[in-house]
Amino acid sequence: MDSTSVIVPTFNYGRFIAEAIGSALGQSLAPAEIIVVDDGSADDTAEVVAGFGDAVRYIRQENAGVCVARNRGVAESTGGLIAFLDADDFWEPT
């Protein structure tokens, strides 16, 4: 089975992103990588993501919009499959 890269674009969603990342980490089939692309946030997003340590790769870019953030995440990914998870959403465990 191919490995999965989870791409999480975000902009000023520090208050939600921990739950989103936690839900990706809590899957019955763990992703190969979780990439958070911060689209120029001015809140505590970077600090919240840093709390996950090496489990999450954090990329910051100047604000260019969610589509550019998603595309950046795909370009940086290494998995054979891509899954998009919005920063204010979460997945059920299975």
Protein backbone atom coordinates (compact mmCIF):
# COMPACT_ATOMS: atom_id res chain seq x y z
CA MET A 1 0.00 0.00 0.00
CA ASP A 2 1.25 3.49 -0.83
CA SER A 3 2.18 5.85 1.97
CA THR A 4 -0.04 8.86 2.54
CA SER A 5 0.99 12.49 2.87
CA VAL A 6 -1.48 14.69 4.74
CA ILE A 7 -1.44 18.32 3.61
CA VAL A 8 -2.89 20.90 6.02
CA PRO A 9 -3.08 24.45 4.65
CA THR A 10 -3.65 27.07 7.34
CA PHE A 11 -4.05 30.79 7.85
CA ASN A 12 -4.64 32.10 11.39
CA TYR A 13 -6.18 28.82 12.60
CA GLY A 14 -3.99 28.26 15.64
CA ARG A 15 -7.12 27.74 17.74
CA PHE A 16 -8.21 24.74 15.61
CA ILE A 17 -5.10 23.19 14.10
CA ALA A 18 -4.10 21.02 17.08
CA GLU A 19 -7.36 19.07 16.79
CA ALA A 20 -6.86 18.67 13.02
CA ILE A 21 -3.30 17.39 13.41
CA GLY A 22 -4.29 15.14 16.31
CA SER A 23 -7.00 13.57 14.20
CA ALA A 24 -4.52 12.80 11.41
CA LEU A 25 -2.09 11.27 13.90
CA GLY A 26 -4.91 9.23 15.43
CA GLN A 27 -5.83 7.34 12.28
CA SER A 28 -5.83 3.54 12.34
CA LEU A 29 -3.40 3.72 9.40
CA ALA A 30 -0.90 6.42 10.31
CA PRO A 31 0.16 8.83 7.56
CA ALA A 32 3.75 8.78 6.35
CA GLU A 33 3.93 12.53 6.90
CA ILE A 34 1.87 15.52 7.90
CA ILE A 35 2.80 18.77 6.22
CA VAL A 36 1.36 22.03 7.54
CA VAL A 37 1.67 24.91 5.11
CA ASP A 38 1.21 28.18 6.98
CA ASP A 39 0.01 30.81 4.54
CA GLY A 40 1.33 33.80 6.49
CA SER A 41 -0.50 33.45 9.81
CA ALA A 42 -0.21 36.22 12.40
CA ASP A 43 -1.55 34.14 15.32
CA ASP A 44 -0.03 31.29 17.36
CA THR A 45 -0.22 28.70 14.56
CA ALA A 46 3.56 28.17 14.43
CA GLU A 47 3.79 27.58 18.20
CA VAL A 48 0.87 25.14 18.21
CA VAL A 49 2.36 23.12 15.33
CA ALA A 50 5.79 23.14 16.98
CA GLY A 51 4.21 21.36 19.94
CA PHE A 52 3.88 18.24 17.77
CA GLY A 53 7.65 18.07 17.27
CA ASP A 54 8.98 15.87 14.49
CA ALA A 55 5.55 14.36 13.81
CA VAL A 56 4.69 17.37 11.65
CA ARG A 57 6.64 19.23 9.00
CA TYR A 58 5.95 22.97 9.12
CA ILE A 59 6.37 25.19 6.07
CA ARG A 60 5.73 28.92 6.24
CA GLN A 61 5.11 31.07 3.17
CA GLU A 62 3.90 34.58 2.49
CA ASN A 63 0.14 34.82 2.17
CA ALA A 64 -0.81 33.63 -1.29
CA GLY A 65 -4.11 31.80 -0.72
CA VAL A 66 -5.24 28.31 0.13
CA CYS A 67 -4.74 26.89 -3.37
CA VAL A 68 -1.10 27.97 -3.43
CA ALA A 69 -0.64 26.52 0.08
CA ARG A 70 -2.13 23.18 -0.98
CA ASN A 71 0.04 23.07 -4.10
CA ARG A 72 3.13 23.87 -2.02
CA GLY A 73 2.29 20.99 0.30
CA VAL A 74 1.92 18.60 -2.63
CA ALA A 75 5.23 19.77 -4.11
CA GLU A 76 6.98 19.14 -0.76
CA SER A 77 5.35 15.75 -0.10
CA THR A 78 6.97 12.34 -0.48
CA GLY A 79 3.97 10.00 -0.13
CA GLY A 80 2.39 8.08 -2.95
CA LEU A 81 -1.08 9.30 -1.94
CA ILE A 82 -2.20 12.80 -0.95
CA ALA A 83 -4.91 13.62 1.57
CA PHE A 84 -6.05 17.19 2.23
CA LEU A 85 -7.19 18.18 5.71
CA ASP A 86 -8.37 21.71 6.40
CA ALA A 87 -6.94 23.28 9.56
CA ASP A 88 -10.41 23.73 11.07
CA ASP A 89 -11.58 20.18 10.38
CA PHE A 90 -10.82 16.76 11.83
CA TRP A 91 -11.04 13.10 10.82
CA GLU A 92 -12.75 10.30 12.68
CA PRO A 93 -10.17 7.73 13.90
CA THR A 94 -10.76 5.09 11.24
